[in-house]
C-alpha atoms as a PDB file:
ATOM      1  CA  MET A   1       6.447   6.598  -9.800  1.00  0.00           C
ATOM      2  CA  LEU A   2       4.110   3.602  -9.600  1.00  0.00           C
ATOM      3  CA  GLY A   3       4.215   2.283  -6.035  1.00  0.00           C
ATOM      4  CA  GLY A   4       7.518   4.001  -5.406  1.00  0.00           C
ATOM      5  CA  GLY A   5      10.036   1.345  -4.523  1.00  0.00           C
ATOM      6  CA  TRP A   6      11.158   0.017  -7.890  1.00  0.00           C
ATOM      7  CA  VAL A   7      12.823   3.285  -8.909  1.00  0.00           C
ATOM      8  CA  LEU A   8      14.955   3.189  -5.780  1.00  0.00           C
ATOM      9  CA  VAL A   9      15.885  -0.450  -6.331  1.00  0.00           C
ATOM     10  CA  MET A  10      16.983   0.285  -9.884  1.00  0.00           C
ATOM     11  CA  VAL A  11      19.152   3.338  -9.111  1.00  0.00           C
ATOM     12  CA  LEU A  12      20.719   2.488  -5.756  1.00  0.00           C
ATOM     13  CA  PRO A  13      24.088   0.739  -5.953  1.00  0.00           C
ATOM     14  CA  GLY A  14      24.799  -2.533  -4.174  1.00  0.00           C
ATOM     15  CA  ASP A  15      22.627  -4.302  -1.651  1.00  0.00           C
ATOM     16  CA  LEU A  16      23.349  -2.521   1.622  1.00  0.00           C
ATOM     17  CA  LEU A  17      21.874   0.879   0.788  1.00  0.00           C
ATOM     18  CA  PRO A  18      18.520  -0.492  -0.459  1.00  0.00           C
ATOM     19  CA  ALA A  19      18.304  -2.674   2.666  1.00  0.00           C
ATOM     20  CA  LEU A  20      18.979   0.289   4.950  1.00  0.00           C
ATOM     21  CA  LEU A  21      16.453   2.463   3.123  1.00  0.00           C
ATOM     22  CA  GLY A  22      13.928  -0.383   3.206  1.00  0.00           C
ATOM     23  CA  ALA A  23      14.367  -0.728   6.955  1.00  0.00           C
ATOM     24  CA  ALA A  24      13.981   3.041   7.351  1.00  0.00           C
ATOM     25  CA  ALA A  25      10.800   2.950   5.257  1.00  0.00           C
ATOM     26  CA  ALA A  26       9.458   0.089   7.412  1.00  0.00           C
ATOM     27  CA  LEU A  27      10.107   2.111  10.567  1.00  0.00           C
ATOM     28  CA  ALA A  28       8.503   5.143   8.957  1.00  0.00           C
ATOM     29  CA  SER A  29       5.401   3.105   8.117  1.00  0.00           C
ATOM     30  CA  VAL A  30       5.066   2.076  11.778  1.00  0.00           C
ATOM     31  CA  ALA A  31       5.446   5.680  12.906  1.00  0.00           C
ATOM     32  CA  LEU A  32       2.906   6.860  10.322  1.00  0.00           C
ATOM     33  CA  GLN A  33       0.393   4.204  11.354  1.00  0.00           C
ATOM     34  CA  LEU A  34       0.757   4.961  15.057  1.00  0.00           C
ATOM     35  CA  SER A  35       0.507   8.716  14.523  1.00  0.00           C
ATOM     36  CA  GLY A  36      -2.748   8.392  12.579  1.00  0.00           C
ATOM     37  CA  ALA A  37      -1.313   9.787   9.341  1.00  0.00           C
ATOM     38  CA  ASP A  38      -3.292   9.655   6.110  1.00  0.00           C
ATOM     39  CA  TYR A  39      -3.551   6.139   4.717  1.00  0.00           C
ATOM     40  CA  TRP A  40      -1.783   7.054   1.464  1.00  0.00           C
ATOM     41  CA  LYS A  41       1.326   8.123   3.373  1.00  0.00           C
ATOM     42  CA  PHE A  42       1.409   4.847   5.299  1.00  0.00           C
ATOM     43  CA  SER A  43       0.755   2.889   2.115  1.00  0.00           C
ATOM     44  CA  VAL A  44       3.624   4.549   0.245  1.00  0.00           C
ATOM     45  CA  ALA A  45       6.038   3.806   3.095  1.00  0.00           C
ATOM     46  CA  VAL A  46       4.916   0.169   3.276  1.00  0.00           C
ATOM     47  CA  THR A  47       5.207  -0.272  -0.490  1.00  0.00           C
ATOM     48  CA  VAL A  48       8.702   1.215  -0.591  1.00  0.00           C
ATOM     49  CA  SER A  49       9.831  -1.026   2.267  1.00  0.00           C
ATOM     50  CA  VAL A  50       8.337  -4.152   0.671  1.00  0.00           C
ATOM     51  CA  ILE A  51       9.916  -3.454  -2.704  1.00  0.00           C
ATOM     52  CA  LEU A  52      13.323  -2.595  -1.238  1.00  0.00           C
ATOM     53  CA  LEU A  53      13.429  -5.525   1.173  1.00  0.00           C
ATOM     54  CA  THR A  54      11.803  -8.376  -0.731  1.00  0.00           C
ATOM     55  CA  PHE A  55      12.425  -8.076  -4.454  1.00  0.00           C
ATOM     56  CA  GLU A  56      15.607  -8.646  -6.401  1.00  0.00           C
ATOM     57  CA  ARG A  57      16.674  -5.811  -8.690  1.00  0.00           C
ATOM     58  CA  GLN A  58      15.396  -7.534 -11.854  1.00  0.00           C
ATOM     59  CA  ASP A  59      12.003  -8.310 -10.241  1.00  0.00           C
ATOM     60  CA  ALA A  60      11.346  -4.923  -8.635  1.00  0.00           C
ATOM     61  CA  LEU A  61       9.131  -3.460 -11.371  1.00  0.00           C
ATOM     62  CA  ALA A  62       7.051  -6.634 -11.631  1.00  0.00           C
ATOM     63  CA  GLY A  63       6.678  -6.699  -7.846  1.00  0.00           C
ATOM     64  CA  ASP A  64       5.599  -3.069  -7.747  1.00  0.00           C
ATOM     65  CA  LEU A  65       3.038  -3.631 -10.508  1.00  0.00           C
ATOM     66  CA  GLN A  66       1.759  -6.737  -8.722  1.00  0.00           C
ATOM     67  CA  ARG A  67       1.190  -4.756  -5.513  1.00  0.00           C
ATOM     68  CA  ILE A  68      -0.694  -2.062  -7.437  1.00  0.00           C
ATOM     69  CA  LEU A  69      -2.918  -4.595  -9.212  1.00  0.00           C
ATOM     70  CA  ILE A  70      -3.667  -6.456  -5.977  1.00  0.00           C
ATOM     71  CA  THR A  71      -4.529  -3.166  -4.276  1.00  0.00           C
ATOM     72  CA  LEU A  72      -6.900  -2.243  -7.103  1.00  0.00           C
ATOM     73  CA  ALA A  73      -8.523  -5.689  -7.001  1.00  0.00           C
ATOM     74  CA  GLY A  74      -9.013  -5.321  -3.254  1.00  0.00           C
ATOM     75  CA  ALA A  75     -10.608  -1.913  -3.747  1.00  0.00           C
ATOM     76  CA  VAL A  76     -13.036  -3.387  -6.285  1.00  0.00           C
ATOM     77  CA  VAL A  77     -13.987  -6.190  -3.879  1.00  0.00           C
ATOM     78  CA  VAL A  78     -14.584  -3.709  -1.053  1.00  0.00           C
ATOM     79  CA  ALA A  79     -16.639  -1.398  -3.287  1.00  0.00           C
ATOM     80  CA  ALA A  80     -18.731  -4.319  -4.532  1.00  0.00           C
ATOM     81  CA  THR A  81     -19.298  -5.542  -0.978  1.00  0.00           C
ATOM     82  CA  VAL A  82     -20.421  -2.105   0.191  1.00  0.00           C
ATOM     83  CA  TRP A  83     -22.728  -1.798  -2.813  1.00  0.00           C
ATOM     84  CA  VAL A  84     -24.340  -5.204  -2.185  1.00  0.00           C
ATOM     85  CA  ALA A  85     -24.675  -4.445   1.540  1.00  0.00           C
ATOM     86  CA  SER A  86     -26.393  -1.136   0.752  1.00  0.00           C
ATOM     87  CA  ILE A  87     -28.892  -2.938  -1.464  1.00  0.00           C
ATOM     88  CA  LEU A  88     -29.596  -5.700   1.043  1.00  0.00           C
ATOM     89  CA  SER A  89     -29.881  -3.542   4.148  1.00  0.00           C
ATOM     90  CA  PRO A  90     -33.296  -2.078   4.885  1.00  0.00           C
ATOM     91  CA  ALA A  91     -33.723   1.668   4.848  1.00  0.00           C
ATOM     92  CA  GLU A  92     -33.379   3.231   8.263  1.00  0.00           C
ATOM     93  CA  PRO A  93     -36.671   4.535   9.687  1.00  0.00           C
ATOM     94  CA  ALA A  94     -36.959   8.264  10.288  1.00  0.00           C
ATOM     95  CA  GLN A  95     -36.539   9.204  13.924  1.00  0.00           C
ATOM     96  CA  ALA A  96     -39.303  11.131  15.602  1.00  0.00           C
ATOM     97  CA  GLY A  97     -38.514  14.307  17.307  1.00  0.00           C
END
């Protein structure tokens, strides 16, 4: 289901229902974040709300793919940064005792 939102945009009739579901998904993402839910649950809710509230029907799939690619690029940057930091940081000395 890719990021999740484009399927809903394509099958829901009109403009009101996607807007209402997008608003509900946005509220759900706030509740998930505040409750400390797993990141993937929050991320799915945010993605669904963004796709439903910001993209036109014909652009929904492209928008969903763009969000996935940007997320993957961000993950690569973070992984590379952690790897470089682990190389540059000195080894921690063993603690006595």
